[in-house]
Amino acid sequence: MADETDDLAGKQVGKRGIDPLALLAGIATLLVSAYVLTDGDIWVPSVDGRWVLAGGAVLVGLLLLAASMRGDKRKKKSR
């Protein structure tokens, strides 16, 4: 039993990444609370769907760029 705890203590705990679902839920909560705090006055005049689509495309592009710069951890561990 002592050998098992020694083995677990010697292992390093890896970093956890960002939870995208929790991030989206947090942003949505902030937007809803801002809406309620302003008594429902819409501070954004109108949202054009083309701008939302373009912003989403930019976000996906940035995420892909960041992922490509990150590298592959599996190749580094096998060396």
PDB file of N, CA and C in Angstrom:
ATOM      1  N   MET A   1       0.827  -1.184   0.000  1.00  0.00           N
ATOM      2  CA  MET A   1       0.000   0.000   0.000  1.00  0.00           C
ATOM      3  C   MET A   1       0.875   1.253   0.000  1.00  0.00           C
ATOM      4  N   ALA A   2       1.989   1.211   0.720  1.00  0.00           N
ATOM      5  CA  ALA A   2       2.885   2.364   0.746  1.00  0.00           C
ATOM      6  C   ALA A   2       3.515   2.594  -0.627  1.00  0.00           C
ATOM      7  N   ASP A   3       3.734   1.511  -1.392  1.00  0.00           N
ATOM      8  CA  ASP A   3       4.313   1.659  -2.726  1.00  0.00           C
ATOM      9  C   ASP A   3       3.371   2.415  -3.654  1.00  0.00           C
ATOM     10  N   GLU A   4       2.072   2.187  -3.526  1.00  0.00           N
ATOM     11  CA  GLU A   4       1.099   2.862  -4.371  1.00  0.00           C
ATOM     12  C   GLU A   4       1.076   4.355  -4.096  1.00  0.00           C
ATOM     13  N   THR A   5       1.126   4.750  -2.843  1.00  0.00           N
ATOM     14  CA  THR A   5       1.101   6.176  -2.522  1.00  0.00           C
ATOM     15  C   THR A   5       2.395   6.838  -2.949  1.00  0.00           C
ATOM     16  N   ASP A   6       3.525   6.133  -2.863  1.00  0.00           N
ATOM     17  CA  ASP A   6       4.792   6.693  -3.319  1.00  0.00           C
ATOM     18  C   ASP A   6       4.772   6.915  -4.827  1.00  0.00           C
ATOM     19  N   ASP A   7       4.172   5.971  -5.564  1.00  0.00           N
ATOM     20  CA  ASP A   7       4.078   6.119  -7.016  1.00  0.00           C
ATOM     21  C   ASP A   7       3.215   7.318  -7.388  1.00  0.00           C
ATOM     22  N   LEU A   8       2.104   7.503  -6.678  1.00  0.00           N
ATOM     23  CA  LEU A   8       1.215   8.622  -6.972  1.00  0.00           C
ATOM     24  C   LEU A   8       1.842   9.950  -6.596  1.00  0.00           C
ATOM     25  N   ALA A   9       2.623   9.974  -5.520  1.00  0.00           N
ATOM     26  CA  ALA A   9       3.255  11.214  -5.087  1.00  0.00           C
ATOM     27  C   ALA A   9       4.347  11.643  -6.057  1.00  0.00           C
ATOM     28  N   GLY A  10       4.971  10.709  -6.730  1.00  0.00           N
ATOM     29  CA  GLY A  10       6.049  11.040  -7.653  1.00  0.00           C
ATOM     30  C   GLY A  10       5.567  11.566  -8.989  1.00  0.00           C
ATOM     31  N   LYS A  11       4.325  11.354  -9.326  1.00  0.00           N
ATOM     32  CA  LYS A  11       3.787  11.829 -10.599  1.00  0.00           C
ATOM     33  C   LYS A  11       3.426  13.296 -10.502  1.00  0.00           C
ATOM     34  N   GLN A  12       3.691  14.002 -11.599  1.00  0.00           N
ATOM     35  CA  GLN A  12       3.328  15.409 -11.641  1.00  0.00           C
ATOM     36  C   GLN A  12       1.905  15.545 -12.161  1.00  0.00           C
ATOM     37  N   VAL A  13       1.194  16.470 -11.574  1.00  0.00           N
ATOM     38  CA  VAL A  13      -0.168  16.725 -12.021  1.00  0.00           C
ATOM     39  C   VAL A  13      -0.096  17.709 -13.174  1.00  0.00           C
ATOM     40  N   GLY A  14      -0.692  17.351 -14.307  1.00  0.00           N
ATOM     41  CA  GLY A  14      -0.653  18.209 -15.489  1.00  0.00           C
ATOM     42  C   GLY A  14      -1.595  19.392 -15.358  1.00  0.00           C
ATOM     43  N   LYS A  15      -1.305  20.438 -16.127  1.00  0.00           N
ATOM     44  CA  LYS A  15      -2.162  21.611 -16.127  1.00  0.00           C
ATOM     45  C   LYS A  15      -3.462  21.293 -16.835  1.00  0.00           C
ATOM     46  N   ARG A  16      -4.518  21.841 -16.316  1.00  0.00           N
ATOM     47  CA  ARG A  16      -5.814  21.669 -16.963  1.00  0.00           C
ATOM     48  C   ARG A  16      -6.062  22.853 -17.866  1.00  0.00           C
ATOM     49  N   GLY A  17      -6.710  22.609 -18.968  1.00  0.00           N
ATOM     50  CA  GLY A  17      -7.019  23.669 -19.917  1.00  0.00           C
ATOM     51  C   GLY A  17      -8.275  24.433 -19.521  1.00  0.00           C
ATOM     52  N   ILE A  18      -8.638  25.350 -20.373  1.00  0.00           N
ATOM     53  CA  ILE A  18      -9.831  26.155 -20.155  1.00  0.00           C
ATOM     54  C   ILE A  18     -11.058  25.326 -20.509  1.00  0.00           C
ATOM     55  N   ASP A  19     -12.077  25.410 -19.682  1.00  0.00           N
ATOM     56  CA  ASP A  19     -13.334  24.719 -19.943  1.00  0.00           C
ATOM     57  C   ASP A  19     -14.209  25.642 -20.792  1.00  0.00           C
ATOM     58  N   PRO A  20     -14.376  25.340 -22.085  1.00  0.00           N
ATOM     59  CA  PRO A  20     -15.107  26.261 -22.957  1.00  0.00           C
ATOM     60  C   PRO A  20     -16.578  26.416 -22.570  1.00  0.00           C
ATOM     61  N   LEU A  21     -17.194  25.364 -22.062  1.00  0.00           N
ATOM     62  CA  LEU A  21     -18.598  25.457 -21.668  1.00  0.00           C
ATOM     63  C   LEU A  21     -18.765  26.404 -20.475  1.00  0.00           C
ATOM     64  N   ALA A  22     -17.875  26.301 -19.507  1.00  0.00           N
ATOM     65  CA  ALA A  22     -17.942  27.185 -18.345  1.00  0.00           C
ATOM     66  C   ALA A  22     -17.633  28.630 -18.739  1.00  0.00           C
ATOM     67  N   LEU A  23     -16.718  28.805 -19.691  1.00  0.00           N
ATOM     68  CA  LEU A  23     -16.387  30.150 -20.157  1.00  0.00           C
ATOM     69  C   LEU A  23     -17.589  30.794 -20.841  1.00  0.00           C
ATOM     70  N   LEU A  24     -18.260  30.051 -21.711  1.00  0.00           N
ATOM     71  CA  LEU A  24     -19.443  30.592 -22.394  1.00  0.00           C
ATOM     72  C   LEU A  24     -20.569  30.868 -21.407  1.00  0.00           C
ATOM     73  N   ALA A  25     -20.741  29.988 -20.441  1.00  0.00           N
ATOM     74  CA  ALA A  25     -21.778  30.207 -19.429  1.00  0.00           C
ATOM     75  C   ALA A  25     -21.475  31.452 -18.602  1.00  0.00           C
ATOM     76  N   GLY A  26     -20.225  31.672 -18.282  1.00  0.00           N
ATOM     77  CA  GLY A  26     -19.842  32.862 -17.521  1.00  0.00           C
ATOM     78  C   GLY A  26     -20.065  34.141 -18.304  1.00  0.00           C
ATOM     79  N   ILE A  27     -19.718  34.124 -19.585  1.00  0.00           N
ATOM     80  CA  ILE A  27     -19.921  35.311 -20.425  1.00  0.00           C
ATOM     81  C   ILE A  27     -21.418  35.584 -20.585  1.00  0.00           C
ATOM     82  N   ALA A  28     -22.196  34.529 -20.800  1.00  0.00           N
ATOM     83  CA  ALA A  28     -23.645  34.707 -20.932  1.00  0.00           C
ATOM     84  C   ALA A  28     -24.248  35.264 -19.645  1.00  0.00           C
ATOM     85  N   THR A  29     -23.767  34.791 -18.515  1.00  0.00           N
ATOM     86  CA  THR A  29     -24.259  35.291 -17.232  1.00  0.00           C
ATOM     87  C   THR A  29     -23.944  36.768 -17.056  1.00  0.00           C
ATOM     88  N   LEU A  30     -22.738  37.166 -17.450  1.00  0.00           N
ATOM     89  CA  LEU A  30     -22.371  38.582 -17.363  1.00  0.00           C
ATOM     90  C   LEU A  30     -23.247  39.444 -18.266  1.00  0.00           C
ATOM     91  N   LEU A  31     -23.547  38.963 -19.469  1.00  0.00           N
ATOM     92  CA  LEU A  31     -24.386  39.731 -20.386  1.00  0.00           C
ATOM     93  C   LEU A  31     -25.815  39.853 -19.858  1.00  0.00           C
ATOM     94  N   VAL A  32     -26.333  38.776 -19.314  1.00  0.00           N
ATOM     95  CA  VAL A  32     -27.693  38.823 -18.761  1.00  0.00           C
ATOM     96  C   VAL A  32     -27.751  39.752 -17.558  1.00  0.00           C
ATOM     97  N   SER A  33     -26.752  39.690 -16.699  1.00  0.00           N
ATOM     98  CA  SER A  33     -26.757  40.572 -15.530  1.00  0.00           C
ATOM     99  C   SER A  33     -26.610  42.036 -15.942  1.00  0.00           C
ATOM    100  N   ALA A  34     -25.833  42.323 -16.977  1.00  0.00           N
ATOM    101  CA  ALA A  34     -25.712  43.697 -17.465  1.00  0.00           C
ATOM    102  C   ALA A  34     -27.049  44.170 -18.037  1.00  0.00           C
ATOM    103  N   TYR A  35     -27.749  43.281 -18.723  1.00  0.00           N
ATOM    104  CA  TYR A  35     -29.064  43.623 -19.274  1.00  0.00           C
ATOM    105  C   TYR A  35     -30.057  43.946 -18.164  1.00  0.00           C
ATOM    106  N   VAL A  36     -30.038  43.131 -17.111  1.00  0.00           N
ATOM    107  CA  VAL A  36     -30.964  43.343 -16.000  1.00  0.00           C
ATOM    108  C   VAL A  36     -30.599  44.612 -15.227  1.00  0.00           C
ATOM    109  N   LEU A  37     -29.321  44.853 -15.024  1.00  0.00           N
ATOM    110  CA  LEU A  37     -28.897  46.039 -14.273  1.00  0.00           C
ATOM    111  C   LEU A  37     -29.215  47.338 -15.009  1.00  0.00           C
ATOM    112  N   THR A  38     -29.319  47.289 -16.328  1.00  0.00           N
ATOM    113  CA  THR A  38     -29.668  48.493 -17.096  1.00  0.00           C
ATOM    114  C   THR A  38     -31.170  48.598 -17.327  1.00  0.00           C
ATOM    115  N   ASP A  39     -31.960  47.828 -16.608  1.00  0.00           N
ATOM    116  CA  ASP A  39     -33.430  47.833 -16.702  1.00  0.00           C
ATOM    117  C   ASP A  39     -33.930  47.479 -18.097  1.00  0.00           C
ATOM    118  N   GLY A  40     -33.189  46.677 -18.785  1.00  0.00           N
ATOM    119  CA  GLY A  40     -33.625  46.207 -20.094  1.00  0.00           C
ATOM    120  C   GLY A  40     -33.383  47.171 -21.233  1.00  0.00           C
ATOM    121  N   ASP A  41     -32.740  48.299 -20.962  1.00  0.00           N
ATOM    122  CA  ASP A  41     -32.395  49.206 -22.057  1.00  0.00           C
ATOM    123  C   ASP A  41     -31.302  48.568 -22.890  1.00  0.00           C
ATOM    124  N   ILE A  42     -31.545  48.487 -24.170  1.00  0.00           N
ATOM    125  CA  ILE A  42     -30.561  47.860 -25.056  1.00  0.00           C
ATOM    126  C   ILE A  42     -29.531  48.916 -25.439  1.00  0.00           C
ATOM    127  N   TRP A  43     -28.297  48.686 -25.022  1.00  0.00           N
ATOM    128  CA  TRP A  43     -27.244  49.648 -25.331  1.00  0.00           C
ATOM    129  C   TRP A  43     -26.615  49.380 -26.697  1.00  0.00           C
ATOM    130  N   VAL A  44     -26.867  48.202 -27.265  1.00  0.00           N
ATOM    131  CA  VAL A  44     -26.399  47.908 -28.614  1.00  0.00           C
ATOM    132  C   VAL A  44     -27.577  48.167 -29.543  1.00  0.00           C
ATOM    133  N   PRO A  45     -27.461  49.141 -30.471  1.00  0.00           N
ATOM    134  CA  PRO A  45     -28.616  49.515 -31.285  1.00  0.00           C
ATOM    135  C   PRO A  45     -29.205  48.348 -32.073  1.00  0.00           C
ATOM    136  N   SER A  46     -28.409  47.677 -32.859  1.00  0.00           N
ATOM    137  CA  SER A  46     -28.886  46.498 -33.578  1.00  0.00           C
ATOM    138  C   SER A  46     -27.668  45.649 -33.932  1.00  0.00           C
ATOM    139  N   VAL A  47     -27.887  44.365 -33.924  1.00  0.00           N
ATOM    140  CA  VAL A  47     -26.792  43.452 -34.209  1.00  0.00           C
ATOM    141  C   VAL A  47     -26.980  42.924 -35.626  1.00  0.00           C
ATOM    142  N   ASP A  48     -25.972  43.147 -36.456  1.00  0.00           N
ATOM    143  CA  ASP A  48     -26.013  42.658 -37.821  1.00  0.00           C
ATOM    144  C   ASP A  48     -25.409  41.250 -37.836  1.00  0.00           C
ATOM    145  N   GLY A  49     -26.139  40.305 -38.381  1.00  0.00           N
ATOM    146  CA  GLY A  49     -25.690  38.920 -38.413  1.00  0.00           C
ATOM    147  C   GLY A  49     -24.372  38.727 -39.150  1.00  0.00           C
ATOM    148  N   ARG A  50     -24.120  39.566 -40.144  1.00  0.00           N
ATOM    149  CA  ARG A  50     -22.858  39.448 -40.889  1.00  0.00           C
ATOM    150  C   ARG A  50     -21.660  39.769 -40.002  1.00  0.00           C
ATOM    151  N   TRP A  51     -21.821  40.751 -39.099  1.00  0.00           N
ATOM    152  CA  TRP A  51     -20.731  41.093 -38.198  1.00  0.00           C
ATOM    153  C   TRP A  51     -20.490  39.974 -37.182  1.00  0.00           C
ATOM    154  N   VAL A  52     -21.572  39.356 -36.732  1.00  0.00           N
ATOM    155  CA  VAL A  52     -21.432  38.232 -35.795  1.00  0.00           C
ATOM    156  C   VAL A  52     -20.713  37.074 -36.472  1.00  0.00           C
ATOM    157  N   LEU A  53     -21.091  36.787 -37.712  1.00  0.00           N
ATOM    158  CA  LEU A  53     -20.443  35.722 -38.467  1.00  0.00           C
ATOM    159  C   LEU A  53     -18.967  36.035 -38.709  1.00  0.00           C
ATOM    160  N   ALA A  54     -18.670  37.275 -39.065  1.00  0.00           N
ATOM    161  CA  ALA A  54     -17.273  37.670 -39.294  1.00  0.00           C
ATOM    162  C   ALA A  54     -16.465  37.596 -37.994  1.00  0.00           C
ATOM    163  N   GLY A  55     -17.056  38.022 -36.894  1.00  0.00           N
ATOM    164  CA  GLY A  55     -16.362  37.936 -35.605  1.00  0.00           C
ATOM    165  C   GLY A  55     -16.102  36.495 -35.198  1.00  0.00           C
ATOM    166  N   GLY A  56     -17.076  35.628 -35.451  1.00  0.00           N
ATOM    167  CA  GLY A  56     -16.882  34.204 -35.162  1.00  0.00           C
ATOM    168  C   GLY A  56     -15.771  33.601 -36.007  1.00  0.00           C
ATOM    169  N   ALA A  57     -15.700  34.008 -37.284  1.00  0.00           N
ATOM    170  CA  ALA A  57     -14.648  33.511 -38.162  1.00  0.00           C
ATOM    171  C   ALA A  57     -13.273  33.974 -37.694  1.00  0.00           C
ATOM    172  N   VAL A  58     -13.184  35.206 -37.245  1.00  0.00           N
ATOM    173  CA  VAL A  58     -11.911  35.718 -36.720  1.00  0.00           C
ATOM    174  C   VAL A  58     -11.519  34.955 -35.458  1.00  0.00           C
ATOM    175  N   LEU A  59     -12.474  34.697 -34.581  1.00  0.00           N
ATOM    176  CA  LEU A  59     -12.199  33.967 -33.350  1.00  0.00           C
ATOM    177  C   LEU A  59     -11.711  32.553 -33.643  1.00  0.00           C
ATOM    178  N   VAL A  60     -12.379  31.865 -34.569  1.00  0.00           N
ATOM    179  CA  VAL A  60     -11.952  30.512 -34.936  1.00  0.00           C
ATOM    180  C   VAL A  60     -10.557  30.540 -35.546  1.00  0.00           C
ATOM    181  N   GLY A  61     -10.284  31.531 -36.378  1.00  0.00           N
ATOM    182  CA  GLY A  61      -8.957  31.660 -36.969  1.00  0.00           C
ATOM    183  C   GLY A  61      -7.873  31.881 -35.923  1.00  0.00           C
ATOM    184  N   LEU A  62      -8.160  32.717 -34.946  1.00  0.00           N
ATOM    185  CA  LEU A  62      -7.185  32.953 -33.874  1.00  0.00           C
ATOM    186  C   LEU A  62      -6.957  31.701 -33.034  1.00  0.00           C
ATOM    187  N   LEU A  63      -8.030  30.965 -32.775  1.00  0.00           N
ATOM    188  CA  LEU A  63      -7.887  29.726 -32.009  1.00  0.00           C
ATOM    189  C   LEU A  63      -7.074  28.686 -32.783  1.00  0.00           C
ATOM    190  N   LEU A  64      -7.296  28.585 -34.089  1.00  0.00           N
ATOM    191  CA  LEU A  64      -6.510  27.659 -34.902  1.00  0.00           C
ATOM    192  C   LEU A  64      -5.046  28.068 -34.952  1.00  0.00           C
ATOM    193  N   LEU A  65      -4.790  29.362 -35.035  1.00  0.00           N
ATOM    194  CA  LEU A  65      -3.413  29.860 -35.034  1.00  0.00           C
ATOM    195  C   LEU A  65      -2.722  29.545 -33.714  1.00  0.00           C
ATOM    196  N   ALA A  66      -3.414  29.772 -32.621  1.00  0.00           N
ATOM    197  CA  ALA A  66      -2.841  29.475 -31.302  1.00  0.00           C
ATOM    198  C   ALA A  66      -2.586  27.979 -31.146  1.00  0.00           C
ATOM    199  N   ALA A  67      -3.494  27.152 -31.656  1.00  0.00           N
ATOM    200  CA  ALA A  67      -3.314  25.705 -31.551  1.00  0.00           C
ATOM    201  C   ALA A  67      -2.138  25.232 -32.396  1.00  0.00           C
ATOM    202  N   SER A  68      -1.908  25.862 -33.532  1.00  0.00           N
ATOM    203  CA  SER A  68      -0.790  25.449 -34.381  1.00  0.00           C
ATOM    204  C   SER A  68       0.549  25.850 -33.773  1.00  0.00           C
ATOM    205  N   MET A  69       0.565  26.916 -33.004  1.00  0.00           N
ATOM    206  CA  MET A  69       1.816  27.364 -32.375  1.00  0.00           C
ATOM    207  C   MET A  69       2.120  26.579 -31.107  1.00  0.00           C
ATOM    208  N   ARG A  70       1.131  25.924 -30.568  1.00  0.00           N
ATOM    209  CA  ARG A  70       1.285  25.200 -29.302  1.00  0.00           C
ATOM    210  C   ARG A  70       2.174  23.978 -29.449  1.00  0.00           C
ATOM    211  N   GLY A  71       2.116  23.306 -30.567  1.00  0.00           N
ATOM    212  CA  GLY A  71       2.929  22.111 -30.767  1.00  0.00           C
ATOM    213  C   GLY A  71       2.220  20.869 -30.281  1.00  0.00           C
ATOM    214  N   ASP A  72       2.893  19.738 -30.463  1.00  0.00           N
ATOM    215  CA  ASP A  72       2.308  18.460 -30.082  1.00  0.00           C
ATOM    216  C   ASP A  72       3.031  17.930 -28.855  1.00  0.00           C
ATOM    217  N   LYS A  73       2.326  17.760 -27.767  1.00  0.00           N
ATOM    218  CA  LYS A  73       2.955  17.282 -26.512  1.00  0.00           C
ATOM    219  C   LYS A  73       3.328  15.829 -26.609  1.00  0.00           C
ATOM    220  N   ARG A  74       2.612  15.051 -27.406  1.00  0.00           N
ATOM    221  CA  ARG A  74       2.894  13.618 -27.491  1.00  0.00           C
ATOM    222  C   ARG A  74       4.273  13.367 -28.097  1.00  0.00           C
ATOM    223  N   LYS A  75       4.688  14.167 -29.060  1.00  0.00           N
ATOM    224  CA  LYS A  75       5.999  13.985 -29.684  1.00  0.00           C
ATOM    225  C   LYS A  75       7.114  14.323 -28.699  1.00  0.00           C
ATOM    226  N   LYS A  76       6.894  15.330 -27.862  1.00  0.00           N
ATOM    227  CA  LYS A  76       7.929  15.738 -26.909  1.00  0.00           C
ATOM    228  C   LYS A  76       8.117  14.695 -25.807  1.00  0.00           C
ATOM    229  N   LYS A  77       7.039  14.037 -25.380  1.00  0.00           N
ATOM    230  CA  LYS A  77       7.132  13.060 -24.308  1.00  0.00           C
ATOM    231  C   LYS A  77       7.836  11.785 -24.748  1.00  0.00           C
ATOM    232  N   SER A  78       7.722  11.424 -26.004  1.00  0.00           N
ATOM    233  CA  SER A  78       8.291  10.168 -26.468  1.00  0.00           C
ATOM    234  C   SER A  78       9.805  10.249 -26.657  1.00  0.00           C
ATOM    235  N   ARG A  79      10.354  11.436 -26.708  1.00  0.00           N
ATOM    236  CA  ARG A  79      11.808  11.595 -26.914  1.00  0.00           C
ATOM    237  C   ARG A  79      12.593  11.300 -25.692  1.00  0.00           C
TER     238      ARG A  79
END
